[in-house]
Amino acid sequence: FDSSKYYLSKALIIRAALMKSKDKSVA
C-alpha cells in the first residue's frame, strides 16, 4: 500500500502540472 500510494501520488503531481499546459491535447 505505502509504495503504491507513493508512486501514484507522484504521478498526480506531474499530471496536475501538465493539465495546465497551453497545448490543449496535452492538457
mmCIF file of all heavy atoms, coordinates in Angstrom:
data_MODEL
# 
_entry.id   MODEL 
# 
loop_
_atom_site.group_PDB 
_atom_site.id 
_atom_site.type_symbol 
_atom_site.label_atom_id 
_atom_site.label_alt_id 
_atom_site.label_comp_id 
_atom_site.label_asym_id 
_atom_site.label_entity_id 
_atom_site.label_seq_id 
_atom_site.pdbx_PDB_ins_code 
_atom_site.Cartn_x 
_atom_site.Cartn_y 
_atom_site.Cartn_z 
_atom_site.occupancy 
_atom_site.B_iso_or_equiv 
_atom_site.pdbx_formal_charge 
_atom_site.auth_seq_id 
_atom_site.auth_comp_id 
_atom_site.auth_asym_id 
_atom_site.auth_atom_id 
_atom_site.pdbx_PDB_model_num 
ATOM 1   N N   . PHE A 1 1  ? 0.814  -1.213 0.000   1.00 0.00 ? 1  PHE A N   1 
ATOM 2   C CA  . PHE A 1 1  ? 0.000  0.000  0.000   1.00 0.00 ? 1  PHE A CA  1 
ATOM 3   C C   . PHE A 1 1  ? 0.851  1.268  0.000   1.00 0.00 ? 1  PHE A C   1 
ATOM 4   O O   . PHE A 1 1  ? 0.607  2.193  -0.773  1.00 0.00 ? 1  PHE A O   1 
ATOM 5   C CB  . PHE A 1 1  ? -0.931 0.001  1.221   1.00 0.00 ? 1  PHE A CB  1 
ATOM 6   C CG  . PHE A 1 1  ? -1.809 1.214  1.326   1.00 0.00 ? 1  PHE A CG  1 
ATOM 7   C CD1 . PHE A 1 1  ? -3.049 1.247  0.718   1.00 0.00 ? 1  PHE A CD1 1 
ATOM 8   C CD2 . PHE A 1 1  ? -1.383 2.338  2.032   1.00 0.00 ? 1  PHE A CD2 1 
ATOM 9   C CE1 . PHE A 1 1  ? -3.858 2.378  0.814   1.00 0.00 ? 1  PHE A CE1 1 
ATOM 10  C CE2 . PHE A 1 1  ? -2.183 3.475  2.125   1.00 0.00 ? 1  PHE A CE2 1 
ATOM 11  C CZ  . PHE A 1 1  ? -3.427 3.488  1.519   1.00 0.00 ? 1  PHE A CZ  1 
ATOM 12  N N   . ASP A 1 2  ? 1.858  1.325  0.879   1.00 0.00 ? 2  ASP A N   1 
ATOM 13  C CA  . ASP A 1 2  ? 2.657  2.544  1.023   1.00 0.00 ? 2  ASP A CA  1 
ATOM 14  C C   . ASP A 1 2  ? 3.406  2.896  -0.266  1.00 0.00 ? 2  ASP A C   1 
ATOM 15  O O   . ASP A 1 2  ? 3.404  4.054  -0.703  1.00 0.00 ? 2  ASP A O   1 
ATOM 16  C CB  . ASP A 1 2  ? 3.647  2.391  2.179   1.00 0.00 ? 2  ASP A CB  1 
ATOM 17  C CG  . ASP A 1 2  ? 2.945  2.344  3.531   1.00 0.00 ? 2  ASP A CG  1 
ATOM 18  O OD1 . ASP A 1 2  ? 1.821  2.862  3.618   1.00 0.00 ? 2  ASP A OD1 1 
ATOM 19  O OD2 . ASP A 1 2  ? 3.514  1.782  4.480   1.00 0.00 ? 2  ASP A OD2 1 
ATOM 20  N N   . SER A 1 3  ? 4.060  1.896  -0.873  1.00 0.00 ? 3  SER A N   1 
ATOM 21  C CA  . SER A 1 3  ? 4.797  2.157  -2.112  1.00 0.00 ? 3  SER A CA  1 
ATOM 22  C C   . SER A 1 3  ? 3.845  2.537  -3.245  1.00 0.00 ? 3  SER A C   1 
ATOM 23  O O   . SER A 1 3  ? 4.144  3.420  -4.052  1.00 0.00 ? 3  SER A O   1 
ATOM 24  C CB  . SER A 1 3  ? 5.615  0.920  -2.515  1.00 0.00 ? 3  SER A CB  1 
ATOM 25  O OG  . SER A 1 3  ? 6.655  0.691  -1.594  1.00 0.00 ? 3  SER A OG  1 
ATOM 26  N N   . SER A 1 4  ? 2.703  1.867  -3.286  1.00 0.00 ? 4  SER A N   1 
ATOM 27  C CA  . SER A 1 4  ? 1.726  2.163  -4.330  1.00 0.00 ? 4  SER A CA  1 
ATOM 28  C C   . SER A 1 4  ? 1.238  3.607  -4.225  1.00 0.00 ? 4  SER A C   1 
ATOM 29  O O   . SER A 1 4  ? 1.231  4.341  -5.213  1.00 0.00 ? 4  SER A O   1 
ATOM 30  C CB  . SER A 1 4  ? 0.535  1.207  -4.216  1.00 0.00 ? 4  SER A CB  1 
ATOM 31  O OG  . SER A 1 4  ? -0.427 1.498  -5.211  1.00 0.00 ? 4  SER A OG  1 
ATOM 32  N N   . LYS A 1 5  ? 0.853  4.017  -3.034  1.00 0.00 ? 5  LYS A N   1 
ATOM 33  C CA  . LYS A 1 5  ? 0.360  5.386  -2.851  1.00 0.00 ? 5  LYS A CA  1 
ATOM 34  C C   . LYS A 1 5  ? 1.459  6.411  -3.123  1.00 0.00 ? 5  LYS A C   1 
ATOM 35  O O   . LYS A 1 5  ? 1.203  7.489  -3.662  1.00 0.00 ? 5  LYS A O   1 
ATOM 36  C CB  . LYS A 1 5  ? -0.196 5.570  -1.440  1.00 0.00 ? 5  LYS A CB  1 
ATOM 37  C CG  . LYS A 1 5  ? -0.955 6.885  -1.285  1.00 0.00 ? 5  LYS A CG  1 
ATOM 38  C CD  . LYS A 1 5  ? -1.603 7.005  0.084   1.00 0.00 ? 5  LYS A CD  1 
ATOM 39  C CE  . LYS A 1 5  ? -2.363 8.321  0.181   1.00 0.00 ? 5  LYS A CE  1 
ATOM 40  N NZ  . LYS A 1 5  ? -2.966 8.494  1.521   1.00 0.00 ? 5  LYS A NZ  1 
ATOM 41  N N   . TYR A 1 6  ? 2.689  6.070  -2.762  1.00 0.00 ? 6  TYR A N   1 
ATOM 42  C CA  . TYR A 1 6  ? 3.824  6.967  -3.006  1.00 0.00 ? 6  TYR A CA  1 
ATOM 43  C C   . TYR A 1 6  ? 3.965  7.267  -4.498  1.00 0.00 ? 6  TYR A C   1 
ATOM 44  O O   . TYR A 1 6  ? 4.049  8.438  -4.899  1.00 0.00 ? 6  TYR A O   1 
ATOM 45  C CB  . TYR A 1 6  ? 5.103  6.321  -2.471  1.00 0.00 ? 6  TYR A CB  1 
ATOM 46  C CG  . TYR A 1 6  ? 6.376  7.040  -2.863  1.00 0.00 ? 6  TYR A CG  1 
ATOM 47  C CD1 . TYR A 1 6  ? 6.777  8.187  -2.202  1.00 0.00 ? 6  TYR A CD1 1 
ATOM 48  C CD2 . TYR A 1 6  ? 7.175  6.555  -3.900  1.00 0.00 ? 6  TYR A CD2 1 
ATOM 49  C CE1 . TYR A 1 6  ? 7.951  8.853  -2.575  1.00 0.00 ? 6  TYR A CE1 1 
ATOM 50  C CE2 . TYR A 1 6  ? 8.350  7.218  -4.279  1.00 0.00 ? 6  TYR A CE2 1 
ATOM 51  C CZ  . TYR A 1 6  ? 8.720  8.353  -3.613  1.00 0.00 ? 6  TYR A CZ  1 
ATOM 52  O OH  . TYR A 1 6  ? 9.864  9.013  -3.974  1.00 0.00 ? 6  TYR A OH  1 
ATOM 53  N N   . TYR A 1 7  ? 3.982  6.221  -5.315  1.00 0.00 ? 7  TYR A N   1 
ATOM 54  C CA  . TYR A 1 7  ? 4.156  6.415  -6.759  1.00 0.00 ? 7  TYR A CA  1 
ATOM 55  C C   . TYR A 1 7  ? 2.926  7.049  -7.415  1.00 0.00 ? 7  TYR A C   1 
ATOM 56  O O   . TYR A 1 7  ? 3.063  7.908  -8.297  1.00 0.00 ? 7  TYR A O   1 
ATOM 57  C CB  . TYR A 1 7  ? 4.498  5.091  -7.432  1.00 0.00 ? 7  TYR A CB  1 
ATOM 58  C CG  . TYR A 1 7  ? 5.933  4.674  -7.219  1.00 0.00 ? 7  TYR A CG  1 
ATOM 59  C CD1 . TYR A 1 7  ? 6.249  3.610  -6.378  1.00 0.00 ? 7  TYR A CD1 1 
ATOM 60  C CD2 . TYR A 1 7  ? 6.974  5.360  -7.834  1.00 0.00 ? 7  TYR A CD2 1 
ATOM 61  C CE1 . TYR A 1 7  ? 7.572  3.237  -6.167  1.00 0.00 ? 7  TYR A CE1 1 
ATOM 62  C CE2 . TYR A 1 7  ? 8.296  4.995  -7.627  1.00 0.00 ? 7  TYR A CE2 1 
ATOM 63  C CZ  . TYR A 1 7  ? 8.592  3.945  -6.792  1.00 0.00 ? 7  TYR A CZ  1 
ATOM 64  O OH  . TYR A 1 7  ? 9.910  3.588  -6.581  1.00 0.00 ? 7  TYR A OH  1 
ATOM 65  N N   . LEU A 1 8  ? 1.744  6.652  -6.985  1.00 0.00 ? 8  LEU A N   1 
ATOM 66  C CA  . LEU A 1 8  ? 0.531  7.238  -7.562  1.00 0.00 ? 8  LEU A CA  1 
ATOM 67  C C   . LEU A 1 8  ? 0.441  8.727  -7.216  1.00 0.00 ? 8  LEU A C   1 
ATOM 68  O O   . LEU A 1 8  ? 0.019  9.540  -8.050  1.00 0.00 ? 8  LEU A O   1 
ATOM 69  C CB  . LEU A 1 8  ? -0.706 6.497  -7.055  1.00 0.00 ? 8  LEU A CB  1 
ATOM 70  C CG  . LEU A 1 8  ? -0.875 5.069  -7.579  1.00 0.00 ? 8  LEU A CG  1 
ATOM 71  C CD1 . LEU A 1 8  ? -2.035 4.375  -6.866  1.00 0.00 ? 8  LEU A CD1 1 
ATOM 72  C CD2 . LEU A 1 8  ? -1.104 5.052  -9.086  1.00 0.00 ? 8  LEU A CD2 1 
ATOM 73  N N   . SER A 1 9  ? 0.853  9.081  -6.013  1.00 0.00 ? 9  SER A N   1 
ATOM 74  C CA  . SER A 1 9  ? 0.831  10.499 -5.607  1.00 0.00 ? 9  SER A CA  1 
ATOM 75  C C   . SER A 1 9  ? 1.819  11.318 -6.434  1.00 0.00 ? 9  SER A C   1 
ATOM 76  O O   . SER A 1 9  ? 1.543  12.471 -6.805  1.00 0.00 ? 9  SER A O   1 
ATOM 77  C CB  . SER A 1 9  ? 1.155  10.628 -4.114  1.00 0.00 ? 9  SER A CB  1 
ATOM 78  O OG  . SER A 1 9  ? 0.172  9.988  -3.335  1.00 0.00 ? 9  SER A OG  1 
ATOM 79  N N   . LYS A 1 10 ? 2.978  10.741 -6.734  1.00 0.00 ? 10 LYS A N   1 
ATOM 80  C CA  . LYS A 1 10 ? 3.961  11.438 -7.575  1.00 0.00 ? 10 LYS A CA  1 
ATOM 81  C C   . LYS A 1 10 ? 3.413  11.614 -8.992  1.00 0.00 ? 10 LYS A C   1 
ATOM 82  O O   . LYS A 1 10 ? 3.664  12.641 -9.644  1.00 0.00 ? 10 LYS A O   1 
ATOM 83  C CB  . LYS A 1 10 ? 5.283  10.650 -7.598  1.00 0.00 ? 10 LYS A CB  1 
ATOM 84  C CG  . LYS A 1 10 ? 6.060  10.718 -6.295  1.00 0.00 ? 10 LYS A CG  1 
ATOM 85  C CD  . LYS A 1 10 ? 7.292  9.840  -6.302  1.00 0.00 ? 10 LYS A CD  1 
ATOM 86  C CE  . LYS A 1 10 ? 8.424  10.449 -7.117  1.00 0.00 ? 10 LYS A CE  1 
ATOM 87  N NZ  . LYS A 1 10 ? 9.029  11.622 -6.466  1.00 0.00 ? 10 LYS A NZ  1 
ATOM 88  N N   . ALA A 1 11 ? 2.673  10.613 -9.480  1.00 0.00 ? 11 ALA A N   1 
ATOM 89  C CA  . ALA A 1 11 ? 2.058  10.730 -10.800 1.00 0.00 ? 11 ALA A CA  1 
ATOM 90  C C   . ALA A 1 11 ? 1.029  11.859 -10.812 1.00 0.00 ? 11 ALA A C   1 
ATOM 91  O O   . ALA A 1 11 ? 0.948  12.627 -11.783 1.00 0.00 ? 11 ALA A O   1 
ATOM 92  C CB  . ALA A 1 11 ? 1.389  9.409  -11.186 1.00 0.00 ? 11 ALA A CB  1 
ATOM 93  N N   . LEU A 1 12 ? 0.256  11.988 -9.732  1.00 0.00 ? 12 LEU A N   1 
ATOM 94  C CA  . LEU A 1 12 ? -0.744 13.058 -9.635  1.00 0.00 ? 12 LEU A CA  1 
ATOM 95  C C   . LEU A 1 12 ? -0.104 14.437 -9.721  1.00 0.00 ? 12 LEU A C   1 
ATOM 96  O O   . LEU A 1 12 ? -0.631 15.335 -10.398 1.00 0.00 ? 12 LEU A O   1 
ATOM 97  C CB  . LEU A 1 12 ? -1.518 12.950 -8.318  1.00 0.00 ? 12 LEU A CB  1 
ATOM 98  C CG  . LEU A 1 12 ? -2.643 11.923 -8.215  1.00 0.00 ? 12 LEU A CG  1 
ATOM 99  C CD1 . LEU A 1 12 ? -3.297 12.020 -6.842  1.00 0.00 ? 12 LEU A CD1 1 
ATOM 100 C CD2 . LEU A 1 12 ? -3.678 12.121 -9.309  1.00 0.00 ? 12 LEU A CD2 1 
ATOM 101 N N   . ILE A 1 13 ? 1.020  14.616 -9.048  1.00 0.00 ? 13 ILE A N   1 
ATOM 102 C CA  . ILE A 1 13 ? 1.688  15.925 -9.029  1.00 0.00 ? 13 ILE A CA  1 
ATOM 103 C C   . ILE A 1 13 ? 2.093  16.344 -10.441 1.00 0.00 ? 13 ILE A C   1 
ATOM 104 O O   . ILE A 1 13 ? 1.845  17.486 -10.863 1.00 0.00 ? 13 ILE A O   1 
ATOM 105 C CB  . ILE A 1 13 ? 2.923  15.885 -8.106  1.00 0.00 ? 13 ILE A CB  1 
ATOM 106 C CG1 . ILE A 1 13 ? 2.482  15.715 -6.650  1.00 0.00 ? 13 ILE A CG1 1 
ATOM 107 C CG2 . ILE A 1 13 ? 3.760  17.153 -8.270  1.00 0.00 ? 13 ILE A CG2 1 
ATOM 108 C CD1 . ILE A 1 13 ? 3.620  15.444 -5.688  1.00 0.00 ? 13 ILE A CD1 1 
ATOM 109 N N   . ILE A 1 14 ? 2.710  15.430 -11.166 1.00 0.00 ? 14 ILE A N   1 
ATOM 110 C CA  . ILE A 1 14 ? 3.153  15.756 -12.529 1.00 0.00 ? 14 ILE A CA  1 
ATOM 111 C C   . ILE A 1 14 ? 1.967  15.985 -13.442 1.00 0.00 ? 14 ILE A C   1 
ATOM 112 O O   . ILE A 1 14 ? 1.943  16.929 -14.248 1.00 0.00 ? 14 ILE A O   1 
ATOM 113 C CB  . ILE A 1 14 ? 4.059  14.638 -13.087 1.00 0.00 ? 14 ILE A CB  1 
ATOM 114 C CG1 . ILE A 1 14 ? 5.332  14.516 -12.257 1.00 0.00 ? 14 ILE A CG1 1 
ATOM 115 C CG2 . ILE A 1 14 ? 4.401  14.913 -14.556 1.00 0.00 ? 14 ILE A CG2 1 
ATOM 116 C CD1 . ILE A 1 14 ? 6.236  13.380 -12.686 1.00 0.00 ? 14 ILE A CD1 1 
ATOM 117 N N   . ARG A 1 15 ? 0.950  15.139 -13.334 1.00 0.00 ? 15 ARG A N   1 
ATOM 118 C CA  . ARG A 1 15 ? -0.215 15.276 -14.212 1.00 0.00 ? 15 ARG A CA  1 
ATOM 119 C C   . ARG A 1 15 ? -1.008 16.539 -13.916 1.00 0.00 ? 15 ARG A C   1 
ATOM 120 O O   . ARG A 1 15 ? -1.578 17.142 -14.827 1.00 0.00 ? 15 ARG A O   1 
ATOM 121 C CB  . ARG A 1 15 ? -1.077 14.022 -14.099 1.00 0.00 ? 15 ARG A CB  1 
ATOM 122 C CG  . ARG A 1 15 ? -0.455 12.860 -14.855 1.00 0.00 ? 15 ARG A CG  1 
ATOM 123 C CD  . ARG A 1 15 ? -1.132 11.540 -14.686 1.00 0.00 ? 15 ARG A CD  1 
ATOM 124 N NE  . ARG A 1 15 ? -0.562 10.589 -15.655 1.00 0.00 ? 15 ARG A NE  1 
ATOM 125 C CZ  . ARG A 1 15 ? -0.718 9.282  -15.605 1.00 0.00 ? 15 ARG A CZ  1 
ATOM 126 N NH1 . ARG A 1 15 ? -1.447 8.741  -14.629 1.00 0.00 ? 15 ARG A NH1 1 
ATOM 127 N NH2 . ARG A 1 15 ? -0.165 8.500  -16.520 1.00 0.00 ? 15 ARG A NH2 1 
ATOM 128 N N   . ALA A 1 16 ? -1.026 16.959 -12.658 1.00 0.00 ? 16 ALA A N   1 
ATOM 129 C CA  . ALA A 1 16 ? -1.693 18.213 -12.307 1.00 0.00 ? 16 ALA A CA  1 
ATOM 130 C C   . ALA A 1 16 ? -1.015 19.383 -13.008 1.00 0.00 ? 16 ALA A C   1 
ATOM 131 O O   . ALA A 1 16 ? -1.672 20.315 -13.487 1.00 0.00 ? 16 ALA A O   1 
ATOM 132 C CB  . ALA A 1 16 ? -1.687 18.414 -10.796 1.00 0.00 ? 16 ALA A CB  1 
ATOM 133 N N   . ALA A 1 17 ? 0.310  19.331 -13.080 1.00 0.00 ? 17 ALA A N   1 
ATOM 134 C CA  . ALA A 1 17 ? 1.065  20.391 -13.770 1.00 0.00 ? 17 ALA A CA  1 
ATOM 135 C C   . ALA A 1 17 ? 0.800  20.352 -15.272 1.00 0.00 ? 17 ALA A C   1 
ATOM 136 O O   . ALA A 1 17 ? 0.621  21.405 -15.906 1.00 0.00 ? 17 ALA A O   1 
ATOM 137 C CB  . ALA A 1 17 ? 2.553  20.230 -13.482 1.00 0.00 ? 17 ALA A CB  1 
ATOM 138 N N   . LEU A 1 18 ? 0.765  19.150 -15.842 1.00 0.00 ? 18 LEU A N   1 
ATOM 139 C CA  . LEU A 1 18 ? 0.532  19.012 -17.280 1.00 0.00 ? 18 LEU A CA  1 
ATOM 140 C C   . LEU A 1 18 ? -0.887 19.429 -17.681 1.00 0.00 ? 18 LEU A C   1 
ATOM 141 O O   . LEU A 1 18 ? -1.121 19.826 -18.830 1.00 0.00 ? 18 LEU A O   1 
ATOM 142 C CB  . LEU A 1 18 ? 0.780  17.562 -17.715 1.00 0.00 ? 18 LEU A CB  1 
ATOM 143 C CG  . LEU A 1 18 ? 2.236  17.090 -17.654 1.00 0.00 ? 18 LEU A CG  1 
ATOM 144 C CD1 . LEU A 1 18 ? 2.323  15.593 -17.944 1.00 0.00 ? 18 LEU A CD1 1 
ATOM 145 C CD2 . LEU A 1 18 ? 3.086  17.870 -18.664 1.00 0.00 ? 18 LEU A CD2 1 
ATOM 146 N N   . MET A 1 19 ? -1.818 19.357 -16.753 1.00 0.00 ? 19 MET A N   1 
ATOM 147 C CA  . MET A 1 19 ? -3.194 19.776 -17.030 1.00 0.00 ? 19 MET A CA  1 
ATOM 148 C C   . MET A 1 19 ? -3.278 21.271 -17.340 1.00 0.00 ? 19 MET A C   1 
ATOM 149 O O   . MET A 1 19 ? -4.234 21.735 -17.945 1.00 0.00 ? 19 MET A O   1 
ATOM 150 C CB  . MET A 1 19 ? -4.092 19.443 -15.839 1.00 0.00 ? 19 MET A CB  1 
ATOM 151 C CG  . MET A 1 19 ? -4.423 17.962 -15.711 1.00 0.00 ? 19 MET A CG  1 
ATOM 152 S SD  . MET A 1 19 ? -5.132 17.512 -14.099 1.00 0.00 ? 19 MET A SD  1 
ATOM 153 C CE  . MET A 1 19 ? -6.676 18.435 -14.120 1.00 0.00 ? 19 MET A CE  1 
ATOM 154 N N   . LYS A 1 20 ? -2.249 22.006 -16.928 1.00 0.00 ? 20 LYS A N   1 
ATOM 155 C CA  . LYS A 1 20 ? -2.216 23.452 -17.158 1.00 0.00 ? 20 LYS A CA  1 
ATOM 156 C C   . LYS A 1 20 ? -1.468 23.820 -18.438 1.00 0.00 ? 20 LYS A C   1 
ATOM 157 O O   . LYS A 1 20 ? -1.256 24.995 -18.733 1.00 0.00 ? 20 LYS A O   1 
ATOM 158 C CB  . LYS A 1 20 ? -1.555 24.144 -15.970 1.00 0.00 ? 20 LYS A CB  1 
ATOM 159 C CG  . LYS A 1 20 ? -2.274 23.908 -14.646 1.00 0.00 ? 20 LYS A CG  1 
ATOM 160 C CD  . LYS A 1 20 ? -1.498 24.509 -13.484 1.00 0.00 ? 20 LYS A CD  1 
ATOM 161 C CE  . LYS A 1 20 ? -2.170 24.199 -12.149 1.00 0.00 ? 20 LYS A CE  1 
ATOM 162 N NZ  . LYS A 1 20 ? -1.384 24.746 -11.010 1.00 0.00 ? 20 LYS A NZ  1 
ATOM 163 N N   . SER A 1 21 ? -1.062 22.813 -19.200 1.00 0.00 ? 21 SER A N   1 
ATOM 164 C CA  . SER A 1 21 ? -0.310 23.051 -20.431 1.00 0.00 ? 21 SER A CA  1 
ATOM 165 C C   . SER A 1 21 ? -1.114 23.885 -21.426 1.00 0.00 ? 21 SER A C   1 
ATOM 166 O O   . SER A 1 21 ? -2.334 23.765 -21.532 1.00 0.00 ? 21 SER A O   1 
ATOM 167 C CB  . SER A 1 21 ? 0.062  21.708 -21.077 1.00 0.00 ? 21 SER A CB  1 
ATOM 168 O OG  . SER A 1 21 ? 0.636  21.905 -22.347 1.00 0.00 ? 21 SER A OG  1 
ATOM 169 N N   . LYS A 1 22 ? -0.415 24.740 -22.164 1.00 0.00 ? 22 LYS A N   1 
ATOM 170 C CA  . LYS A 1 22 ? -1.065 25.541 -23.201 1.00 0.00 ? 22 LYS A CA  1 
ATOM 171 C C   . LYS A 1 22 ? -1.457 24.682 -24.399 1.00 0.00 ? 22 LYS A C   1 
ATOM 172 O O   . LYS A 1 22 ? -2.317 25.068 -25.190 1.00 0.00 ? 22 LYS A O   1 
ATOM 173 C CB  . LYS A 1 22 ? -0.133 26.671 -23.641 1.00 0.00 ? 22 LYS A CB  1 
ATOM 174 C CG  . LYS A 1 22 ? 0.126  27.710 -22.548 1.00 0.00 ? 22 LYS A CG  1 
ATOM 175 C CD  . LYS A 1 22 ? 1.049  28.810 -23.033 1.00 0.00 ? 22 LYS A CD  1 
ATOM 176 C CE  . LYS A 1 22 ? 1.298  29.840 -21.935 1.00 0.00 ? 22 LYS A CE  1 
ATOM 177 N NZ  . LYS A 1 22 ? 2.216  30.923 -22.397 1.00 0.00 ? 22 LYS A NZ  1 
ATOM 178 N N   . ASP A 1 23 ? -0.800 23.543 -24.526 1.00 0.00 ? 23 ASP A N   1 
ATOM 179 C CA  . ASP A 1 23 ? -1.152 22.594 -25.576 1.00 0.00 ? 23 ASP A CA  1 
ATOM 180 C C   . ASP A 1 23 ? -2.419 21.853 -25.127 1.00 0.00 ? 23 ASP A C   1 
ATOM 181 O O   . ASP A 1 23 ? -2.390 21.057 -24.179 1.00 0.00 ? 23 ASP A O   1 
ATOM 182 C CB  . ASP A 1 23 ? -0.001 21.600 -25.785 1.00 0.00 ? 23 ASP A CB  1 
ATOM 183 C CG  . ASP A 1 23 ? -0.235 20.665 -26.968 1.00 0.00 ? 23 ASP A CG  1 
ATOM 184 O OD1 . ASP A 1 23 ? -1.393 20.262 -27.187 1.00 0.00 ? 23 ASP A OD1 1 
ATOM 185 O OD2 . ASP A 1 23 ? 0.744  20.311 -27.643 1.00 0.00 ? 23 ASP A OD2 1 
ATOM 186 N N   . LYS A 1 24 ? -3.532 22.104 -25.793 1.00 0.00 ? 24 LYS A N   1 
ATOM 187 C CA  . LYS A 1 24 ? -4.820 21.556 -25.359 1.00 0.00 ? 24 LYS A CA  1 
ATOM 188 C C   . LYS A 1 24 ? -4.849 20.025 -25.359 1.00 0.00 ? 24 LYS A C   1 
ATOM 189 O O   . LYS A 1 24 ? -5.467 19.407 -24.495 1.00 0.00 ? 24 LYS A O   1 
ATOM 190 C CB  . LYS A 1 24 ? -5.944 22.098 -26.243 1.00 0.00 ? 24 LYS A CB  1 
ATOM 191 C CG  . LYS A 1 24 ? -6.204 23.582 -26.040 1.00 0.00 ? 24 LYS A CG  1 
ATOM 192 C CD  . LYS A 1 24 ? -7.389 24.055 -26.878 1.00 0.00 ? 24 LYS A CD  1 
ATOM 193 C CE  . LYS A 1 24 ? -7.674 25.531 -26.634 1.00 0.00 ? 24 LYS A CE  1 
ATOM 194 N NZ  . LYS A 1 24 ? -8.828 26.019 -27.443 1.00 0.00 ? 24 LYS A NZ  1 
ATOM 195 N N   . SER A 1 25 ? -4.183 19.423 -26.339 1.00 0.00 ? 25 SER A N   1 
ATOM 196 C CA  . SER A 1 25 ? -4.179 17.958 -26.407 1.00 0.00 ? 25 SER A CA  1 
ATOM 197 C C   . SER A 1 25 ? -3.406 17.365 -25.228 1.00 0.00 ? 25 SER A C   1 
ATOM 198 O O   . SER A 1 25 ? -3.812 16.352 -24.651 1.00 0.00 ? 25 SER A O   1 
ATOM 199 C CB  . SER A 1 25 ? -3.585 17.476 -27.733 1.00 0.00 ? 25 SER A CB  1 
ATOM 200 O OG  . SER A 1 25 ? -2.231 17.878 -27.855 1.00 0.00 ? 25 SER A OG  1 
ATOM 201 N N   . VAL A 1 26 ? -2.298 18.020 -24.853 1.00 0.00 ? 26 VAL A N   1 
ATOM 202 C CA  . VAL A 1 26 ? -1.502 17.576 -23.708 1.00 0.00 ? 26 VAL A CA  1 
ATOM 203 C C   . VAL A 1 26 ? -2.318 17.728 -22.425 1.00 0.00 ? 26 VAL A C   1 
ATOM 204 O O   . VAL A 1 26 ? -2.363 16.828 -21.584 1.00 0.00 ? 26 VAL A O   1 
ATOM 205 C CB  . VAL A 1 26 ? -0.187 18.377 -23.599 1.00 0.00 ? 26 VAL A CB  1 
ATOM 206 C CG1 . VAL A 1 26 ? 0.518  18.076 -22.276 1.00 0.00 ? 26 VAL A CG1 1 
ATOM 207 C CG2 . VAL A 1 26 ? 0.729  18.044 -24.771 1.00 0.00 ? 26 VAL A CG2 1 
ATOM 208 N N   . ALA A 1 27 ? -2.976 18.881 -22.294 1.00 0.00 ? 27 ALA A N   1 
ATOM 209 C CA  . ALA A 1 27 ? -3.772 19.158 -21.098 1.00 0.00 ? 27 ALA A CA  1 
ATOM 210 C C   . ALA A 1 27 ? -4.941 18.182 -20.963 1.00 0.00 ? 27 ALA A C   1 
ATOM 211 O O   . ALA A 1 27 ? -5.220 17.680 -19.863 1.00 0.00 ? 27 ALA A O   1 
ATOM 212 C CB  . ALA A 1 27 ? -4.295 20.589 -21.151 1.00 0.00 ? 27 ALA A CB  1 
# 
